[in-house]
Amino acid sequence: AYCRAGQTHLCDTGIKVAMEGADIGFRKDGTDIARFCGLGGFAEHTVIQAGAAIPISKDIPLDRACLVGCAVVTGVGAAINTARIQPGQTVAVFGSGGIGLNVIQGAALAGAARIIAVDRLPKKLEWATKFGATDIIDASSKDVDAAEEIKALTGGLGVDVAFEAIGVPEVMLQAFLSIKRGGRAVVVGVAGFGMDVNIPACLLALEERSLVGSLYGGSEMSRDVPRLLELYQRGKLKLDELVSRRVPFDEINSAFQSMERGEVARSVVIFP
């Protein structure tokens, strides 16, 4: 039903594969071996279904193309497909990591007049400006109320659209409180199972604020991947700038540690 409706990112089979590891691709010594998300992206060799393969130009370096498979399509897609940002609108993005940076450049591509980046790390805020943020808010101090700061930057109104790109319920609330009447808060970050977000219920009806989710940027991969790569080829989409470091396969654990410490926008694993 979802595929027929053009919502392939919500496909029942795809969700089951991603959440349960139900896609069995290999068998060794009689034991089934599942591939994460049906891909097994850290395997040196894998087998995928034909429907998961999208042809790309041979001119595009693979260490750049790989970024489009998740972070880029998720962030840019959230801005363009989910939020459908209109030229001249105001936007706030909570979190300037790999996903948040792509939300920012997606908002810039859509023509947002003002893009406010919120983060606690100066390095990430510096990256945000390079990807299109017009204003930054350093939220490292407990005394900083990001929602109030955003309202101050927008004449007391709040933004048209706010994105949460971290996966923290308290930050989702901040995003919701930073939007204006009739605005939308888009949750891109994935919180842990069992975690709840509490929002002022009266604002849903009385101010027509909305809180929506965005899975994989609401993307149709066979449509959006070629589009994004073409934008890259034309110099309108930043991929080179996303790669903070390239690491050999045997240093993959250190790449995860660097990501968790907020030291990189994205690391790319180079296979032997």
Protein backbone atom coordinates (compact mmCIF):
# COMPACT_ATOMS: atom_id res chain seq x y z
CA ALA A 1 0.00 0.00 0.00
CA TYR A 2 2.80 2.44 0.84
CA CYS A 3 4.68 1.73 -2.36
CA ARG A 4 1.54 2.22 -4.43
CA ALA A 5 1.01 5.54 -2.64
CA GLY A 6 4.54 6.69 -3.53
CA GLN A 7 5.79 6.33 0.06
CA THR A 8 8.42 3.68 -0.57
CA HIS A 9 10.42 4.78 2.48
CA LEU A 10 7.53 3.50 4.65
CA CYS A 11 7.35 0.10 2.91
CA ASP A 12 6.32 -2.66 5.32
CA THR A 13 9.01 -5.01 4.08
CA GLY A 14 11.71 -2.35 4.31
CA ILE A 15 10.76 -1.44 7.88
CA LYS A 16 10.82 -5.10 8.92
CA VAL A 17 14.26 -5.58 7.38
CA ALA A 18 15.64 -2.44 9.02
CA MET A 19 14.14 -2.99 12.47
CA GLU A 20 14.34 -6.76 12.82
CA GLY A 21 17.26 -7.69 10.59
CA ALA A 22 14.85 -10.06 8.89
CA ASP A 23 16.58 -10.07 5.53
CA ILE A 24 18.65 -13.25 5.36
CA GLY A 25 21.31 -12.90 2.71
CA PHE A 26 23.88 -15.58 3.48
CA ARG A 27 24.30 -18.89 5.20
CA LYS A 28 27.45 -20.29 6.74
CA ASP A 29 27.71 -23.75 8.22
CA GLY A 30 23.91 -23.95 8.25
CA THR A 31 23.52 -20.62 10.07
CA ASP A 32 21.58 -17.77 8.48
CA ILE A 33 23.45 -14.45 8.44
CA ALA A 34 21.33 -11.30 8.23
CA ARG A 35 22.58 -8.13 6.56
CA PHE A 36 21.85 -4.91 8.43
CA CYS A 37 19.14 -2.98 6.56
CA GLY A 38 19.35 -5.59 3.81
CA LEU A 39 22.72 -4.19 2.72
CA GLY A 40 25.56 -5.22 4.99
CA GLY A 41 27.36 -1.95 4.35
CA PHE A 42 30.49 -2.91 6.29
CA ALA A 43 30.97 -6.17 4.41
CA GLU A 44 33.68 -6.37 1.76
CA HIS A 45 31.24 -8.32 -0.43
CA THR A 46 27.46 -8.49 -0.33
CA VAL A 47 24.46 -9.40 -2.42
CA ILE A 48 21.50 -7.06 -2.66
CA GLN A 49 18.11 -7.19 -4.29
CA ALA A 50 17.93 -5.58 -7.73
CA GLY A 51 15.38 -3.07 -6.46
CA ALA A 52 17.96 -1.71 -4.03
CA ALA A 53 20.51 -0.94 -6.74
CA ILE A 54 20.47 2.50 -8.33
CA PRO A 55 22.79 3.22 -11.28
CA ILE A 56 24.97 6.31 -10.91
CA SER A 57 27.44 8.04 -13.19
CA LYS A 58 30.92 6.53 -13.31
CA ASP A 59 32.29 10.08 -12.98
CA ILE A 60 31.16 10.34 -9.35
CA PRO A 61 33.78 9.24 -6.80
CA LEU A 62 32.43 6.44 -4.64
CA ASP A 63 33.81 8.00 -1.45
CA ARG A 64 31.42 10.89 -2.11
CA ALA A 65 28.52 8.92 -3.56
CA CYS A 66 28.32 6.77 -0.42
CA LEU A 67 27.23 9.81 1.61
CA VAL A 68 24.03 10.10 -0.41
CA GLY A 69 22.90 6.68 0.79
CA CYS A 70 21.89 8.00 4.21
CA ALA A 71 22.95 11.33 5.71
CA VAL A 72 22.43 13.47 2.61
CA VAL A 73 19.17 11.99 1.43
CA THR A 74 17.82 12.04 5.00
CA GLY A 75 18.73 15.65 5.74
CA VAL A 76 18.07 17.24 2.37
CA GLY A 77 14.94 15.13 1.99
CA ALA A 78 13.58 16.26 5.36
CA ALA A 79 13.85 19.87 4.20
CA ILE A 80 12.50 19.38 0.69
CA ASN A 81 10.21 16.35 0.82
CA THR A 82 8.88 16.39 4.38
CA ALA A 83 8.83 20.08 5.30
CA ARG A 84 8.48 21.33 1.71
CA ILE A 85 10.24 24.56 2.63
CA GLN A 86 9.14 27.51 0.54
CA PRO A 87 11.41 30.34 -0.68
CA GLY A 88 11.62 33.07 1.94
CA GLN A 89 10.66 30.93 4.92
CA THR A 90 12.59 30.86 8.20
CA VAL A 91 14.15 27.66 9.51
CA ALA A 92 15.88 26.45 12.68
CA VAL A 93 17.99 23.29 12.82
CA PHE A 94 18.86 21.71 16.16
CA GLY A 95 22.05 19.72 15.71
CA SER A 96 24.78 20.33 13.13
CA GLY A 97 26.16 16.84 12.69
CA GLY A 98 26.02 14.81 9.49
CA ILE A 99 22.21 14.91 9.32
CA GLY A 100 21.76 18.49 10.53
CA LEU A 101 24.28 19.88 8.05
CA ASN A 102 22.29 18.30 5.25
CA VAL A 103 19.04 19.70 6.58
CA ILE A 104 20.75 23.09 6.48
CA GLN A 105 21.92 22.74 2.91
CA GLY A 106 18.53 21.33 1.93
CA ALA A 107 16.87 24.43 3.40
CA ALA A 108 19.33 26.62 1.52
CA LEU A 109 18.57 24.76 -1.73
CA ALA A 110 14.85 25.31 -1.11
CA GLY A 111 15.39 29.06 -0.77
CA ALA A 112 14.95 29.59 2.98
CA ALA A 113 15.64 33.22 3.82
CA ARG A 114 16.98 32.54 7.30
CA ILE A 115 18.52 29.35 8.61
CA ILE A 116 19.37 29.26 12.31
CA ALA A 117 21.73 26.49 13.44
CA VAL A 118 21.75 25.37 17.08
CA ASP A 119 24.50 23.23 18.58
CA ARG A 120 26.75 22.96 21.63
CA LEU A 121 30.04 22.51 19.77
CA PRO A 122 31.76 25.54 18.16
CA LYS A 123 33.29 23.37 15.42
CA LYS A 124 29.86 22.15 14.34
CA LEU A 125 28.48 25.68 14.29
CA GLU A 126 31.41 26.66 12.09
CA TRP A 127 30.50 23.83 9.70
CA ALA A 128 26.87 24.98 9.76
CA THR A 129 27.78 28.40 8.38
CA LYS A 130 29.67 26.75 5.54
CA PHE A 131 26.59 24.72 4.64
CA GLY A 132 24.22 27.68 4.55
CA ALA A 133 23.30 28.74 8.09
CA THR A 134 22.70 32.48 8.34
CA ASP A 135 22.67 32.55 12.16
CA ILE A 136 24.09 30.34 14.89
CA ILE A 137 23.17 29.72 18.52
CA ASP A 138 25.71 28.20 20.89
CA ALA A 139 23.59 26.10 23.26
CA SER A 140 26.52 24.83 25.34
CA SER A 141 25.50 26.94 28.34
CA LYS A 142 22.53 25.88 30.47
CA ASP A 143 21.55 29.53 30.62
CA VAL A 144 20.78 29.58 26.89
CA ASP A 145 17.13 29.03 25.99
CA ALA A 146 17.41 28.19 22.31
CA ALA A 147 13.69 28.59 21.64
CA GLU A 148 13.70 32.11 23.09
CA GLU A 149 16.87 32.98 21.19
CA ILE A 150 15.21 31.87 17.97
CA LYS A 151 12.15 33.98 18.70
CA ALA A 152 14.39 36.97 19.36
CA LEU A 153 16.05 36.48 15.98
CA THR A 154 12.67 36.34 14.23
CA GLY A 155 11.00 39.39 15.76
CA GLY A 156 9.23 37.36 18.43
CA LEU A 157 7.38 35.13 15.95
CA GLY A 158 9.42 31.96 15.82
CA VAL A 159 10.40 30.09 12.66
CA ASP A 160 8.21 28.54 10.00
CA VAL A 161 9.94 25.17 10.35
CA ALA A 162 12.24 23.74 13.03
CA PHE A 163 14.16 20.48 12.69
CA GLU A 164 15.44 18.21 15.45
CA ALA A 165 18.40 16.24 14.10
CA ILE A 166 19.78 14.70 17.29
CA GLY A 167 17.22 12.28 18.71
CA VAL A 168 16.79 13.85 22.17
CA PRO A 169 13.20 14.33 23.45
CA GLU A 170 14.08 17.53 25.34
CA VAL A 171 15.48 19.02 22.12
CA MET A 172 12.34 17.97 20.23
CA LEU A 173 10.38 20.07 22.73
CA GLN A 174 12.74 23.00 22.11
CA ALA A 175 12.15 22.70 18.38
CA PHE A 176 8.39 22.66 18.91
CA LEU A 177 8.55 25.74 21.14
CA SER A 178 10.65 27.63 18.60
CA ILE A 179 8.09 27.53 15.77
CA LYS A 180 5.52 30.24 15.16
CA ARG A 181 1.75 29.82 15.06
CA GLY A 182 1.00 27.55 12.14
CA GLY A 183 4.59 26.31 12.09
CA ARG A 184 5.94 22.78 11.90
CA ALA A 185 8.52 20.97 13.99
CA VAL A 186 10.09 18.09 12.06
CA VAL A 187 11.77 15.29 14.00
CA VAL A 188 14.60 13.69 12.04
CA GLY A 189 16.66 12.39 14.96
CA VAL A 190 15.77 8.94 16.31
CA ALA A 191 15.22 8.72 20.05
CA GLY A 192 15.71 5.51 21.99
CA PHE A 193 12.84 3.07 22.32
CA GLY A 194 10.67 3.84 25.34
CA MET A 195 11.55 7.54 25.37
CA ASP A 196 8.70 10.06 25.25
CA VAL A 197 8.44 13.70 24.28
CA ASN A 198 6.08 15.99 26.19
CA ILE A 199 4.68 19.03 24.39
CA PRO A 200 2.06 21.61 25.43
CA ALA A 201 -1.05 19.97 23.99
CA CYS A 202 -3.05 23.20 23.82
CA LEU A 203 -0.64 24.66 21.25
CA LEU A 204 -1.56 21.95 18.75
CA ALA A 205 -5.09 23.31 18.28
CA LEU A 206 -4.94 26.88 19.55
CA GLU A 207 -1.83 27.82 17.54
CA GLU A 208 -2.01 25.16 14.81
CA ARG A 209 1.51 24.03 15.54
CA SER A 210 2.39 20.57 14.32
CA LEU A 211 4.98 17.96 15.23
CA VAL A 212 5.83 15.52 12.44
CA GLY A 213 8.40 12.83 11.84
CA SER A 214 10.68 12.36 8.86
CA LEU A 215 11.98 8.90 8.01
CA TYR A 216 14.83 8.80 5.52
CA GLY A 217 13.84 12.27 4.37
CA GLY A 218 10.61 10.94 2.89
CA SER A 219 12.70 9.99 -0.12
CA GLU A 220 12.00 7.93 -3.19
CA MET A 221 15.53 6.67 -3.67
CA SER A 222 15.35 5.90 -7.39
CA ARG A 223 14.21 9.49 -7.91
CA ASP A 224 16.17 11.40 -5.29
CA VAL A 225 19.63 9.79 -5.48
CA PRO A 226 20.18 10.73 -9.16
CA ARG A 227 18.84 14.23 -8.48
CA LEU A 228 21.16 14.79 -5.55
CA LEU A 229 24.18 13.50 -7.42
CA GLU A 230 23.38 15.77 -10.34
CA LEU A 231 23.22 18.72 -7.95
CA TYR A 232 26.65 17.67 -6.67
CA GLN A 233 28.05 17.51 -10.18
CA ARG A 234 26.72 21.01 -10.86
CA GLY A 235 28.36 22.36 -7.71
CA LYS A 236 25.10 23.01 -5.86
CA LEU A 237 25.31 20.23 -3.28
CA LYS A 238 28.21 19.93 -0.85
CA LEU A 239 29.57 16.40 -0.55
CA ASP A 240 33.35 16.97 -0.51
CA GLU A 241 32.95 19.25 2.52
CA LEU A 242 31.09 16.54 4.46
CA VAL A 243 34.09 14.22 4.57
CA SER A 244 36.12 15.07 7.66
CA ARG A 245 38.35 12.02 7.43
CA ARG A 246 38.92 8.81 5.52
CA VAL A 247 39.87 5.76 7.52
CA PRO A 248 41.03 2.26 6.59
CA PHE A 249 38.65 -0.56 7.39
CA ASP A 250 40.63 -1.73 10.43
CA GLU A 251 40.08 1.69 12.06
CA ILE A 252 36.30 1.60 11.74
CA ASN A 253 35.80 1.55 15.52
CA SER A 254 37.83 4.73 15.94
CA ALA A 255 35.62 6.33 13.28
CA PHE A 256 32.55 5.59 15.40
CA GLN A 257 34.28 7.00 18.47
CA SER A 258 35.13 10.21 16.61
CA MET A 259 31.52 10.51 15.52
CA GLU A 260 30.25 10.08 19.07
CA ARG A 261 32.65 12.78 20.30
CA GLY A 262 31.41 15.19 17.63
CA GLU A 263 34.82 15.46 15.99
CA VAL A 264 33.67 14.78 12.44
CA ALA A 265 30.85 15.63 10.10
CA ARG A 266 31.28 12.26 8.38
CA SER A 267 34.01 9.66 8.22
CA VAL A 268 34.35 7.49 5.13
CA VAL A 269 35.65 3.94 5.44
CA ILE A 270 38.05 2.96 2.69
CA PHE A 271 38.02 -0.77 1.98
CA PRO A 272 41.20 -2.67 1.09
